[in-house]
Amino acid sequence: MKLDDGSKVPAKVFFHEEQYDPKNKTFTGYIVLPSTFKNTQTAKYTVKFDDKITRIIGGYIQTFGSTGGVVDSGILTNFGTDSRNSLVYNRISQSPTNPQ
């Protein structure tokens, strides 16, 4: 896959402006690409977790073009059930480090 300018899609992208609402168990964060991909440069992820934060139960992605206008917005369904078409969440428990 390539970005609209012909450059490679980054191997990793990180969230920016992350926020977590513990009362509602909702994460919000933005991903910003170095160039547009299918006319999208920024994507806002809103992810709703279950009460134990073990699975995603809802959410959506809102995408923005390089000028900041909304490109598309859609509700994501079937989280975690089909990794080809949905957002999959894997909770990683970090083990304590050995300070040697």
N, C-alpha and C. Protein backbone atom coordinates (compact mmCIF):
# COMPACT_ATOMS: atom_id res chain seq x y z
N MET A 1 0.83 -1.18 0.00
CA MET A 1 0.00 0.00 0.00
C MET A 1 0.87 1.24 0.00
N LYS A 2 0.36 2.26 -0.62
CA LYS A 2 1.07 3.53 -0.68
C LYS A 2 0.14 4.68 -0.33
N LEU A 3 0.74 5.74 0.18
CA LEU A 3 -0.01 6.96 0.43
C LEU A 3 -0.33 7.61 -0.91
N ASP A 4 -1.21 8.58 -0.90
CA ASP A 4 -1.64 9.23 -2.15
C ASP A 4 -0.48 9.88 -2.90
N ASP A 5 0.59 10.29 -2.20
CA ASP A 5 1.74 10.90 -2.87
C ASP A 5 2.75 9.87 -3.38
N GLY A 6 2.43 8.57 -3.22
CA GLY A 6 3.29 7.51 -3.71
C GLY A 6 4.28 6.97 -2.68
N SER A 7 4.40 7.60 -1.53
CA SER A 7 5.32 7.12 -0.50
C SER A 7 4.69 5.94 0.25
N LYS A 8 5.54 5.20 0.96
CA LYS A 8 5.07 4.03 1.69
C LYS A 8 4.22 4.43 2.89
N VAL A 9 3.24 3.59 3.20
CA VAL A 9 2.46 3.75 4.42
C VAL A 9 3.39 3.42 5.59
N PRO A 10 3.43 4.25 6.62
CA PRO A 10 4.31 3.96 7.76
C PRO A 10 4.00 2.60 8.39
N ALA A 11 5.05 1.91 8.84
CA ALA A 11 4.87 0.61 9.48
C ALA A 11 4.09 0.76 10.79
N LYS A 12 4.30 1.88 11.49
CA LYS A 12 3.59 2.15 12.74
C LYS A 12 3.15 3.60 12.74
N VAL A 13 2.01 3.83 13.32
CA VAL A 13 1.55 5.20 13.58
C VAL A 13 1.09 5.22 15.04
N PHE A 14 1.25 6.35 15.67
CA PHE A 14 0.92 6.47 17.08
C PHE A 14 -0.23 7.45 17.27
N PHE A 15 -0.97 7.25 18.34
CA PHE A 15 -2.05 8.16 18.67
C PHE A 15 -1.49 9.47 19.20
N HIS A 16 -2.21 10.55 18.90
CA HIS A 16 -1.91 11.88 19.41
C HIS A 16 -3.15 12.38 20.15
N GLU A 17 -2.94 13.29 21.07
CA GLU A 17 -4.06 13.89 21.83
C GLU A 17 -4.95 12.82 22.44
N GLU A 18 -4.32 11.80 23.03
CA GLU A 18 -5.07 10.70 23.61
C GLU A 18 -5.81 11.17 24.86
N GLN A 19 -7.01 10.68 25.00
CA GLN A 19 -7.80 10.93 26.21
C GLN A 19 -8.52 9.66 26.59
N TYR A 20 -8.62 9.43 27.89
CA TYR A 20 -9.38 8.28 28.37
C TYR A 20 -10.35 8.77 29.44
N ASP A 21 -11.61 8.42 29.27
CA ASP A 21 -12.66 8.76 30.22
C ASP A 21 -12.96 7.51 31.04
N PRO A 22 -12.42 7.41 32.28
CA PRO A 22 -12.61 6.19 33.05
C PRO A 22 -14.06 5.93 33.45
N LYS A 23 -14.84 6.99 33.62
CA LYS A 23 -16.24 6.82 34.00
C LYS A 23 -17.01 6.11 32.90
N ASN A 24 -16.78 6.54 31.66
CA ASN A 24 -17.49 5.95 30.51
C ASN A 24 -16.69 4.89 29.79
N LYS A 25 -15.47 4.62 30.25
CA LYS A 25 -14.58 3.60 29.64
C LYS A 25 -14.39 3.86 28.15
N THR A 26 -14.10 5.12 27.81
CA THR A 26 -13.97 5.52 26.42
C THR A 26 -12.62 6.15 26.14
N PHE A 27 -11.95 5.66 25.10
CA PHE A 27 -10.67 6.20 24.64
C PHE A 27 -10.91 7.02 23.38
N THR A 28 -10.23 8.16 23.28
CA THR A 28 -10.27 8.97 22.07
C THR A 28 -8.83 9.35 21.73
N GLY A 29 -8.48 9.25 20.47
CA GLY A 29 -7.15 9.64 20.02
C GLY A 29 -7.13 9.85 18.52
N TYR A 30 -6.13 10.60 18.07
CA TYR A 30 -5.99 10.92 16.65
C TYR A 30 -4.75 10.23 16.08
N ILE A 31 -4.87 9.77 14.85
CA ILE A 31 -3.73 9.28 14.08
C ILE A 31 -3.54 10.24 12.93
N VAL A 32 -2.30 10.70 12.75
CA VAL A 32 -1.98 11.66 11.68
C VAL A 32 -0.95 11.01 10.77
N LEU A 33 -1.26 10.92 9.48
CA LEU A 33 -0.34 10.36 8.49
C LEU A 33 0.52 11.47 7.89
N PRO A 34 1.72 11.12 7.39
CA PRO A 34 2.59 12.14 6.79
C PRO A 34 2.04 12.71 5.48
N SER A 35 1.15 11.97 4.83
CA SER A 35 0.48 12.40 3.60
C SER A 35 -0.90 11.75 3.62
N THR A 36 -1.75 12.12 2.69
CA THR A 36 -3.09 11.53 2.67
C THR A 36 -3.06 10.09 2.18
N PHE A 37 -4.04 9.32 2.65
CA PHE A 37 -4.28 7.95 2.20
C PHE A 37 -5.76 7.87 1.87
N LYS A 38 -6.06 7.71 0.58
CA LYS A 38 -7.45 7.74 0.10
C LYS A 38 -8.14 9.02 0.58
N ASN A 39 -7.44 10.13 0.42
CA ASN A 39 -7.90 11.48 0.77
C ASN A 39 -7.97 11.75 2.27
N THR A 40 -7.53 10.82 3.10
CA THR A 40 -7.56 11.00 4.56
C THR A 40 -6.16 11.22 5.08
N GLN A 41 -5.99 12.25 5.93
CA GLN A 41 -4.69 12.47 6.58
C GLN A 41 -4.77 12.26 8.09
N THR A 42 -5.93 12.54 8.66
CA THR A 42 -6.11 12.40 10.11
C THR A 42 -7.35 11.55 10.37
N ALA A 43 -7.25 10.70 11.38
CA ALA A 43 -8.40 9.89 11.77
C ALA A 43 -8.58 9.99 13.27
N LYS A 44 -9.80 10.29 13.69
CA LYS A 44 -10.13 10.35 15.12
C LYS A 44 -10.81 9.04 15.50
N TYR A 45 -10.20 8.32 16.43
CA TYR A 45 -10.74 7.07 16.92
C TYR A 45 -11.44 7.30 18.24
N THR A 46 -12.66 6.80 18.37
CA THR A 46 -13.38 6.79 19.63
C THR A 46 -13.72 5.33 19.90
N VAL A 47 -13.22 4.80 21.02
CA VAL A 47 -13.35 3.39 21.32
C VAL A 47 -13.98 3.22 22.70
N LYS A 48 -15.07 2.47 22.76
CA LYS A 48 -15.79 2.21 24.01
C LYS A 48 -15.49 0.79 24.47
N PHE A 49 -15.01 0.67 25.72
CA PHE A 49 -14.67 -0.63 26.31
C PHE A 49 -15.76 -1.11 27.25
N ASP A 50 -15.77 -2.42 27.51
CA ASP A 50 -16.68 -2.96 28.52
C ASP A 50 -16.20 -2.53 29.91
N ASP A 51 -16.97 -2.85 30.94
CA ASP A 51 -16.65 -2.39 32.29
C ASP A 51 -15.31 -2.90 32.82
N LYS A 52 -14.88 -4.06 32.36
CA LYS A 52 -13.60 -4.62 32.82
C LYS A 52 -12.44 -4.27 31.89
N ILE A 53 -12.73 -3.51 30.86
CA ILE A 53 -11.75 -3.11 29.85
C ILE A 53 -11.07 -4.34 29.23
N THR A 54 -11.86 -5.35 28.96
CA THR A 54 -11.32 -6.57 28.35
C THR A 54 -11.69 -6.70 26.88
N ARG A 55 -12.68 -5.91 26.44
CA ARG A 55 -13.05 -5.96 25.03
C ARG A 55 -13.69 -4.64 24.61
N ILE A 56 -13.67 -4.42 23.31
CA ILE A 56 -14.29 -3.23 22.73
C ILE A 56 -15.75 -3.55 22.46
N ILE A 57 -16.62 -2.64 22.87
CA ILE A 57 -18.05 -2.87 22.67
C ILE A 57 -18.68 -1.85 21.72
N GLY A 58 -17.90 -0.87 21.27
CA GLY A 58 -18.44 0.11 20.34
C GLY A 58 -17.41 1.18 20.01
N GLY A 59 -17.80 2.07 19.14
CA GLY A 59 -16.91 3.15 18.77
C GLY A 59 -17.05 3.50 17.30
N TYR A 60 -16.23 4.48 16.88
CA TYR A 60 -16.27 4.90 15.49
C TYR A 60 -14.96 5.59 15.12
N ILE A 61 -14.77 5.75 13.83
CA ILE A 61 -13.64 6.50 13.29
C ILE A 61 -14.21 7.64 12.46
N GLN A 62 -13.69 8.83 12.68
CA GLN A 62 -14.06 9.98 11.85
C GLN A 62 -12.78 10.41 11.15
N THR A 63 -12.82 10.52 9.82
CA THR A 63 -11.62 10.84 9.05
C THR A 63 -11.68 12.26 8.49
N PHE A 64 -10.48 12.85 8.38
CA PHE A 64 -10.34 14.23 7.93
C PHE A 64 -9.29 14.30 6.83
N GLY A 65 -9.52 15.15 5.84
CA GLY A 65 -8.56 15.37 4.77
C GLY A 65 -7.44 16.31 5.20
N SER A 66 -6.54 16.62 4.29
CA SER A 66 -5.39 17.46 4.60
C SER A 66 -5.79 18.89 4.96
N THR A 67 -6.96 19.33 4.53
CA THR A 67 -7.42 20.69 4.86
C THR A 67 -8.28 20.71 6.12
N GLY A 68 -8.49 19.55 6.75
CA GLY A 68 -9.26 19.48 7.98
C GLY A 68 -10.72 19.16 7.81
N GLY A 69 -11.22 19.13 6.58
CA GLY A 69 -12.63 18.80 6.35
C GLY A 69 -12.91 17.33 6.57
N VAL A 70 -14.11 17.02 7.04
CA VAL A 70 -14.50 15.62 7.27
C VAL A 70 -14.56 14.89 5.95
N VAL A 71 -13.89 13.73 5.88
CA VAL A 71 -13.91 12.90 4.68
C VAL A 71 -15.01 11.85 4.81
N ASP A 72 -15.05 11.16 5.93
CA ASP A 72 -16.03 10.11 6.13
C ASP A 72 -16.19 9.88 7.62
N SER A 73 -17.30 9.36 8.00
CA SER A 73 -17.55 9.02 9.39
C SER A 73 -18.42 7.78 9.38
N GLY A 74 -18.07 6.81 10.20
CA GLY A 74 -18.88 5.60 10.20
C GLY A 74 -18.83 4.91 11.54
N ILE A 75 -19.87 4.17 11.84
CA ILE A 75 -19.90 3.42 13.09
C ILE A 75 -19.24 2.08 12.84
N LEU A 76 -18.32 1.72 13.73
CA LEU A 76 -17.64 0.44 13.63
C LEU A 76 -18.44 -0.60 14.39
N THR A 77 -18.63 -1.72 13.77
CA THR A 77 -19.35 -2.80 14.42
C THR A 77 -18.51 -4.05 14.41
N ASN A 78 -18.93 -5.04 15.18
CA ASN A 78 -18.24 -6.33 15.24
C ASN A 78 -16.77 -6.19 15.65
N PHE A 79 -16.50 -5.31 16.59
CA PHE A 79 -15.13 -5.17 17.07
C PHE A 79 -14.59 -6.50 17.57
N GLY A 80 -13.37 -6.81 17.15
CA GLY A 80 -12.69 -7.98 17.67
C GLY A 80 -13.14 -9.31 17.12
N THR A 81 -14.13 -9.32 16.24
CA THR A 81 -14.61 -10.60 15.73
C THR A 81 -14.03 -10.94 14.37
N ASP A 82 -13.59 -9.94 13.63
CA ASP A 82 -13.04 -10.18 12.31
C ASP A 82 -11.90 -9.19 12.09
N SER A 83 -10.67 -9.64 12.26
CA SER A 83 -9.52 -8.74 12.21
C SER A 83 -9.33 -8.10 10.83
N ARG A 84 -9.98 -8.63 9.80
CA ARG A 84 -9.85 -8.04 8.47
C ARG A 84 -10.67 -6.76 8.35
N ASN A 85 -11.76 -6.65 9.08
CA ASN A 85 -12.67 -5.53 8.90
C ASN A 85 -12.99 -4.77 10.18
N SER A 86 -12.31 -5.06 11.26
CA SER A 86 -12.67 -4.40 12.51
C SER A 86 -11.43 -4.05 13.32
N LEU A 87 -11.65 -3.26 14.32
CA LEU A 87 -10.59 -2.86 15.23
C LEU A 87 -10.45 -3.95 16.28
N VAL A 88 -9.25 -4.47 16.45
CA VAL A 88 -9.02 -5.55 17.40
C VAL A 88 -8.19 -5.01 18.55
N TYR A 89 -8.58 -5.34 19.76
CA TYR A 89 -7.93 -4.87 20.98
C TYR A 89 -7.30 -6.05 21.69
N ASN A 90 -6.01 -5.94 21.97
CA ASN A 90 -5.31 -6.93 22.76
C ASN A 90 -4.73 -6.23 23.98
N ARG A 91 -5.21 -6.57 25.15
CA ARG A 91 -4.70 -5.95 26.37
C ARG A 91 -3.39 -6.61 26.74
N ILE A 92 -2.37 -5.80 26.95
CA ILE A 92 -1.05 -6.31 27.29
C ILE A 92 -0.76 -5.96 28.73
N SER A 93 -0.52 -6.99 29.54
CA SER A 93 -0.13 -6.77 30.92
C SER A 93 1.38 -6.79 30.97
N GLN A 94 1.96 -5.71 31.45
CA GLN A 94 3.41 -5.64 31.53
C GLN A 94 3.87 -6.26 32.83
N SER A 95 4.84 -7.15 32.72
CA SER A 95 5.39 -7.76 33.91
C SER A 95 6.40 -6.80 34.54
N PRO A 96 6.58 -6.88 35.86
CA PRO A 96 7.55 -5.99 36.49
C PRO A 96 8.95 -6.25 35.97
N THR A 97 9.71 -5.21 35.83
CA THR A 97 11.08 -5.36 35.34
C THR A 97 12.01 -5.66 36.50
N ASN A 98 13.06 -6.36 36.20
CA ASN A 98 14.06 -6.71 37.21
C ASN A 98 15.17 -5.67 37.15
N PRO A 99 15.29 -4.78 38.14
CA PRO A 99 16.28 -3.70 38.09
C PRO A 99 17.68 -4.18 38.42
N GLN A 100 18.30 -4.95 37.54
CA GLN A 100 19.67 -5.41 37.78
C GLN A 100 20.65 -4.66 36.94
